C-alpha cells in the first residue's frame, strides 16, 4: 500500500511542480520588462489599434507579441534603443515610429483653453454693455400731481401718530 500511495503522491507533486514551472515560464511578450516597454512605447502596433507595441490591449496580438519578443532578443544581443527603433523603421517604414511626447503636446490644449476664454470674455465685453439711461432732464419738484400725493402722505402720517 505504501509504494502505491507514494507513487500517486509523487505523481501529483510532479504534476503540480510542472504546472507551477509552466505558469512561471512566461515569454518576454507576456510580461515585458521595463526596457522592452521603454522601446515598445516608441513603436506603433500594426494590428490596427492606435496603441504602441508596449500598450496594445488586444489579447494575443499577432503584431505586438512578436515585436516585443524581437525587442527583448535584440536587447539581449546588446543593441541600443536607437538601433532597435531604426531596425523596425527599416523593416516596416516610418509609419511604425512614434515620436516621444514633448512640451508642445502638453502646452497646446491649455493654450487653446486660454484662447477660448479670452474670446468668450471679449464677446461678453462687446455685447453685454450696460445701456445708458436716457437723459430725461431735470425733475420738477413743483409738480401739482406730486404735491397732491405729498399732502396725502402727510395726512396719513399724521393720522398714524
C-alpha atoms as a PDB file:
ATOM      1  CA  UNK A   1       0.000   0.000   0.000  1.00  0.00           C
ATOM      2  CA  UNK A   2       2.793   2.430   0.850  1.00  0.00           C
ATOM      3  CA  UNK A   3       4.586   2.279  -2.544  1.00  0.00           C
ATOM      4  CA  UNK A   4       1.335   2.747  -4.422  1.00  0.00           C
ATOM      5  CA  UNK A   5       0.378   5.737  -2.288  1.00  0.00           C
ATOM      6  CA  UNK A   6       3.873   7.219  -2.537  1.00  0.00           C
ATOM      7  CA  UNK A   7       3.858   6.758  -6.322  1.00  0.00           C
ATOM      8  CA  UNK A   8       0.481   8.511  -6.733  1.00  0.00           C
ATOM      9  CA  UNK A   9       1.514  11.304  -4.396  1.00  0.00           C
ATOM     10  CA  UNK A  10       4.824  11.706  -6.189  1.00  0.00           C
ATOM     11  CA  UNK A  11       2.948  11.901  -9.492  1.00  0.00           C
ATOM     12  CA  UNK A  12       0.671  14.574  -8.069  1.00  0.00           C
ATOM     13  CA  UNK A  13       3.648  16.550  -6.746  1.00  0.00           C
ATOM     14  CA  UNK A  14       5.438  16.241 -10.066  1.00  0.00           C
ATOM     15  CA  UNK A  15       2.326  17.361 -11.921  1.00  0.00           C
ATOM     16  CA  UNK A  16       1.897  20.323  -9.555  1.00  0.00           C
ATOM     17  CA  UNK A  17       5.564  21.261  -9.996  1.00  0.00           C
ATOM     18  CA  UNK A  18       5.212  21.055 -13.788  1.00  0.00           C
ATOM     19  CA  UNK A  19       2.165  23.346 -13.750  1.00  0.00           C
ATOM     20  CA  UNK A  20       3.977  25.844 -11.500  1.00  0.00           C
ATOM     21  CA  UNK A  21       7.007  25.930 -13.816  1.00  0.00           C
ATOM     22  CA  UNK A  22       4.772  26.364 -16.857  1.00  0.00           C
ATOM     23  CA  UNK A  23       2.959  29.233 -15.148  1.00  0.00           C
ATOM     24  CA  UNK A  24       6.225  30.982 -14.366  1.00  0.00           C
ATOM     25  CA  UNK A  25       7.733  30.399 -17.793  1.00  0.00           C
ATOM     26  CA  UNK A  26       6.345  33.470 -19.484  1.00  0.00           C
ATOM     27  CA  UNK A  27       7.739  34.894 -22.675  1.00  0.00           C
ATOM     28  CA  UNK A  28       9.001  38.436 -22.995  1.00  0.00           C
ATOM     29  CA  UNK A  29       5.804  39.486 -24.728  1.00  0.00           C
ATOM     30  CA  UNK A  30       3.506  38.249 -21.972  1.00  0.00           C
ATOM     31  CA  UNK A  31       5.360  40.048 -19.210  1.00  0.00           C
ATOM     32  CA  UNK A  32       7.745  42.525 -20.790  1.00  0.00           C
ATOM     33  CA  UNK A  33      10.342  44.141 -18.616  1.00  0.00           C
ATOM     34  CA  UNK A  34      10.872  47.877 -18.301  1.00  0.00           C
ATOM     35  CA  UNK A  35      13.449  48.002 -21.118  1.00  0.00           C
ATOM     36  CA  UNK A  36      11.133  46.260 -23.594  1.00  0.00           C
ATOM     37  CA  UNK A  37       8.268  48.599 -22.675  1.00  0.00           C
ATOM     38  CA  UNK A  38      10.532  51.641 -22.997  1.00  0.00           C
ATOM     39  CA  UNK A  39      11.435  50.737 -26.596  1.00  0.00           C
ATOM     40  CA  UNK A  40       7.908  49.477 -27.341  1.00  0.00           C
ATOM     41  CA  UNK A  41       6.472  52.900 -26.458  1.00  0.00           C
ATOM     42  CA  UNK A  42       8.325  54.335 -29.455  1.00  0.00           C
ATOM     43  CA  UNK A  43       6.793  51.839 -31.915  1.00  0.00           C
ATOM     44  CA  UNK A  44       3.202  51.790 -33.170  1.00  0.00           C
ATOM     45  CA  UNK A  45       1.360  48.486 -33.116  1.00  0.00           C
ATOM     46  CA  UNK A  46       0.475  47.456 -36.640  1.00  0.00           C
ATOM     47  CA  UNK A  47      -2.626  45.433 -35.728  1.00  0.00           C
ATOM     48  CA  UNK A  48      -4.877  48.382 -36.484  1.00  0.00           C
ATOM     49  CA  UNK A  49      -5.261  49.801 -32.991  1.00  0.00           C
ATOM     50  CA  UNK A  50      -3.897  53.238 -32.119  1.00  0.00           C
ATOM     51  CA  UNK A  51      -1.683  51.955 -29.294  1.00  0.00           C
ATOM     52  CA  UNK A  52       2.041  51.392 -29.121  1.00  0.00           C
ATOM     53  CA  UNK A  53       3.641  47.963 -29.109  1.00  0.00           C
ATOM     54  CA  UNK A  54       4.049  48.254 -25.335  1.00  0.00           C
ATOM     55  CA  UNK A  55       0.422  49.245 -24.637  1.00  0.00           C
ATOM     56  CA  UNK A  56      -1.551  47.227 -27.196  1.00  0.00           C
ATOM     57  CA  UNK A  57      -4.609  45.979 -25.308  1.00  0.00           C
ATOM     58  CA  UNK A  58      -5.538  43.255 -27.781  1.00  0.00           C
ATOM     59  CA  UNK A  59      -5.166  39.799 -26.239  1.00  0.00           C
ATOM     60  CA  UNK A  60      -2.567  37.690 -28.021  1.00  0.00           C
ATOM     61  CA  UNK A  61      -1.972  40.439 -30.582  1.00  0.00           C
ATOM     62  CA  UNK A  62      -0.284  38.888 -33.586  1.00  0.00           C
ATOM     63  CA  UNK A  63       1.750  42.069 -34.145  1.00  0.00           C
ATOM     64  CA  UNK A  64       2.802  43.339 -30.721  1.00  0.00           C
ATOM     65  CA  UNK A  65       3.727  39.953 -29.239  1.00  0.00           C
ATOM     66  CA  UNK A  66       6.381  39.141 -31.887  1.00  0.00           C
ATOM     67  CA  UNK A  67       7.595  42.752 -31.772  1.00  0.00           C
ATOM     68  CA  UNK A  68       8.117  42.544 -28.004  1.00  0.00           C
ATOM     69  CA  UNK A  69       9.946  39.239 -28.401  1.00  0.00           C
ATOM     70  CA  UNK A  70      12.141  40.758 -31.124  1.00  0.00           C
ATOM     71  CA  UNK A  71      12.892  43.800 -28.941  1.00  0.00           C
ATOM     72  CA  UNK A  72      13.849  41.558 -25.993  1.00  0.00           C
ATOM     73  CA  UNK A  73      16.045  39.409 -28.235  1.00  0.00           C
ATOM     74  CA  UNK A  74      17.789  42.453 -29.728  1.00  0.00           C
ATOM     75  CA  UNK A  75      18.371  43.876 -26.254  1.00  0.00           C
ATOM     76  CA  UNK A  76      19.982  40.642 -25.073  1.00  0.00           C
ATOM     77  CA  UNK A  77      22.269  40.838 -28.125  1.00  0.00           C
ATOM     78  CA  UNK A  78      23.362  44.307 -26.988  1.00  0.00           C
ATOM     79  CA  UNK A  79      21.538  46.600 -29.409  1.00  0.00           C
ATOM     80  CA  UNK A  80      20.792  50.124 -28.185  1.00  0.00           C
ATOM     81  CA  UNK A  81      17.271  51.556 -28.137  1.00  0.00           C
ATOM     82  CA  UNK A  82      18.013  53.695 -31.195  1.00  0.00           C
ATOM     83  CA  UNK A  83      19.370  50.727 -33.136  1.00  0.00           C
ATOM     84  CA  UNK A  84      16.256  48.678 -32.331  1.00  0.00           C
ATOM     85  CA  UNK A  85      13.908  51.501 -33.364  1.00  0.00           C
ATOM     86  CA  UNK A  86      15.931  52.052 -36.553  1.00  0.00           C
ATOM     87  CA  UNK A  87      15.687  48.341 -37.387  1.00  0.00           C
ATOM     88  CA  UNK A  88      11.884  48.432 -37.035  1.00  0.00           C
ATOM     89  CA  UNK A  89      11.697  51.598 -39.158  1.00  0.00           C
ATOM     90  CA  UNK A  90      13.865  49.927 -41.803  1.00  0.00           C
ATOM     91  CA  UNK A  91      11.593  46.854 -41.850  1.00  0.00           C
ATOM     92  CA  UNK A  92       8.157  48.486 -41.547  1.00  0.00           C
ATOM     93  CA  UNK A  93       8.637  52.086 -42.675  1.00  0.00           C
ATOM     94  CA  UNK A  94       8.270  55.407 -40.900  1.00  0.00           C
ATOM     95  CA  UNK A  95       4.611  54.689 -40.025  1.00  0.00           C
ATOM     96  CA  UNK A  96       5.722  52.500 -37.127  1.00  0.00           C
ATOM     97  CA  UNK A  97       7.681  55.271 -35.397  1.00  0.00           C
ATOM     98  CA  UNK A  98       6.011  57.138 -32.523  1.00  0.00           C
ATOM     99  CA  UNK A  99       7.887  60.257 -31.501  1.00  0.00           C
ATOM    100  CA  UNK A 100       8.437  60.925 -27.839  1.00  0.00           C
ATOM    101  CA  UNK A 101       5.966  63.356 -26.292  1.00  0.00           C
ATOM    102  CA  UNK A 102       7.355  66.851 -25.934  1.00  0.00           C
ATOM    103  CA  UNK A 103       6.303  70.078 -24.271  1.00  0.00           C
ATOM    104  CA  UNK A 104       4.325  71.174 -27.338  1.00  0.00           C
ATOM    105  CA  UNK A 105       1.850  68.338 -26.811  1.00  0.00           C
ATOM    106  CA  UNK A 106       1.212  69.477 -23.246  1.00  0.00           C
ATOM    107  CA  UNK A 107       1.064  73.215 -23.922  1.00  0.00           C
ATOM    108  CA  UNK A 108      -1.352  73.240 -26.874  1.00  0.00           C
ATOM    109  CA  UNK A 109      -4.512  72.057 -25.042  1.00  0.00           C
ATOM    110  CA  UNK A 110      -4.066  74.536 -22.208  1.00  0.00           C
ATOM    111  CA  UNK A 111      -3.201  77.352 -24.610  1.00  0.00           C
ATOM    112  CA  UNK A 112      -6.367  76.633 -26.609  1.00  0.00           C
ATOM    113  CA  UNK A 113      -8.464  76.746 -23.435  1.00  0.00           C
ATOM    114  CA  UNK A 114      -6.865  80.109 -22.603  1.00  0.00           C
ATOM    115  CA  UNK A 115      -7.565  81.476 -26.092  1.00  0.00           C
ATOM    116  CA  UNK A 116     -11.169  80.282 -25.853  1.00  0.00           C
ATOM    117  CA  UNK A 117     -11.655  82.021 -22.504  1.00  0.00           C
ATOM    118  CA  UNK A 118     -10.232  85.265 -23.920  1.00  0.00           C
ATOM    119  CA  UNK A 119     -12.605  85.061 -26.909  1.00  0.00           C
ATOM    120  CA  UNK A 120     -15.584  84.497 -24.588  1.00  0.00           C
ATOM    121  CA  UNK A 121     -14.501  87.434 -22.391  1.00  0.00           C
ATOM    122  CA  UNK A 122     -14.158  89.733 -25.433  1.00  0.00           C
ATOM    123  CA  UNK A 123     -17.562  88.625 -26.745  1.00  0.00           C
ATOM    124  CA  UNK A 124     -19.238  89.322 -23.414  1.00  0.00           C
ATOM    125  CA  UNK A 125     -17.448  92.631 -23.073  1.00  0.00           C
ATOM    126  CA  UNK A 126     -18.642  93.745 -26.503  1.00  0.00           C
ATOM    127  CA  UNK A 127     -22.268  92.598 -26.314  1.00  0.00           C
ATOM    128  CA  UNK A 128     -23.033  92.939 -22.588  1.00  0.00           C
ATOM    129  CA  UNK A 129     -22.504  96.700 -22.290  1.00  0.00           C
ATOM    130  CA  UNK A 130     -24.957  98.292 -19.853  1.00  0.00           C
ATOM    131  CA  UNK A 131     -27.332 100.572 -21.693  1.00  0.00           C
ATOM    132  CA  UNK A 132     -27.123 104.190 -20.573  1.00  0.00           C
ATOM    133  CA  UNK A 133     -30.220 105.732 -19.009  1.00  0.00           C
ATOM    134  CA  UNK A 134     -31.823 108.174 -21.372  1.00  0.00           C
ATOM    135  CA  UNK A 135     -31.462 111.806 -20.363  1.00  0.00           C
ATOM    136  CA  UNK A 136     -34.865 112.926 -19.097  1.00  0.00           C
ATOM    137  CA  UNK A 137     -33.882 116.352 -17.918  1.00  0.00           C
ATOM    138  CA  UNK A 138     -34.171 117.943 -14.509  1.00  0.00           C
ATOM    139  CA  UNK A 139     -37.025 116.807 -12.372  1.00  0.00           C
ATOM    140  CA  UNK A 140     -39.502 119.435 -11.289  1.00  0.00           C
ATOM    141  CA  UNK A 141     -40.371 119.307  -7.645  1.00  0.00           C
ATOM    142  CA  UNK A 142     -43.252 121.704  -8.003  1.00  0.00           C
ATOM    143  CA  UNK A 143     -45.358 119.273  -9.940  1.00  0.00           C
ATOM    144  CA  UNK A 144     -49.057 119.655  -8.906  1.00  0.00           C
ATOM    145  CA  UNK A 145     -49.673 115.875  -9.050  1.00  0.00           C
ATOM    146  CA  UNK A 146     -46.685 115.286  -6.794  1.00  0.00           C
ATOM    147  CA  UNK A 147     -47.933 117.945  -4.342  1.00  0.00           C
ATOM    148  CA  UNK A 148     -51.288 116.155  -4.138  1.00  0.00           C
ATOM    149  CA  UNK A 149     -49.583 112.879  -3.190  1.00  0.00           C
ATOM    150  CA  UNK A 150     -47.261 114.655  -0.786  1.00  0.00           C
ATOM    151  CA  UNK A 151     -50.230 116.178   1.010  1.00  0.00           C
ATOM    152  CA  UNK A 152     -51.946 112.786   1.191  1.00  0.00           C
ATOM    153  CA  UNK A 153     -48.800 111.160   2.636  1.00  0.00           C
ATOM    154  CA  UNK A 154     -48.511 113.907   5.274  1.00  0.00           C
ATOM    155  CA  UNK A 155     -52.162 113.407   6.292  1.00  0.00           C
ATOM    156  CA  UNK A 156     -51.704 109.614   6.545  1.00  0.00           C
ATOM    157  CA  UNK A 157     -48.573 110.015   8.656  1.00  0.00           C
ATOM    158  CA  UNK A 158     -50.322 112.450  10.962  1.00  0.00           C
ATOM    159  CA  UNK A 159     -53.219 110.029  11.470  1.00  0.00           C
ATOM    160  CA  UNK A 160     -50.807 107.225  12.379  1.00  0.00           C
ATOM    161  CA  UNK A 161     -49.286 109.095  15.302  1.00  0.00           C
END
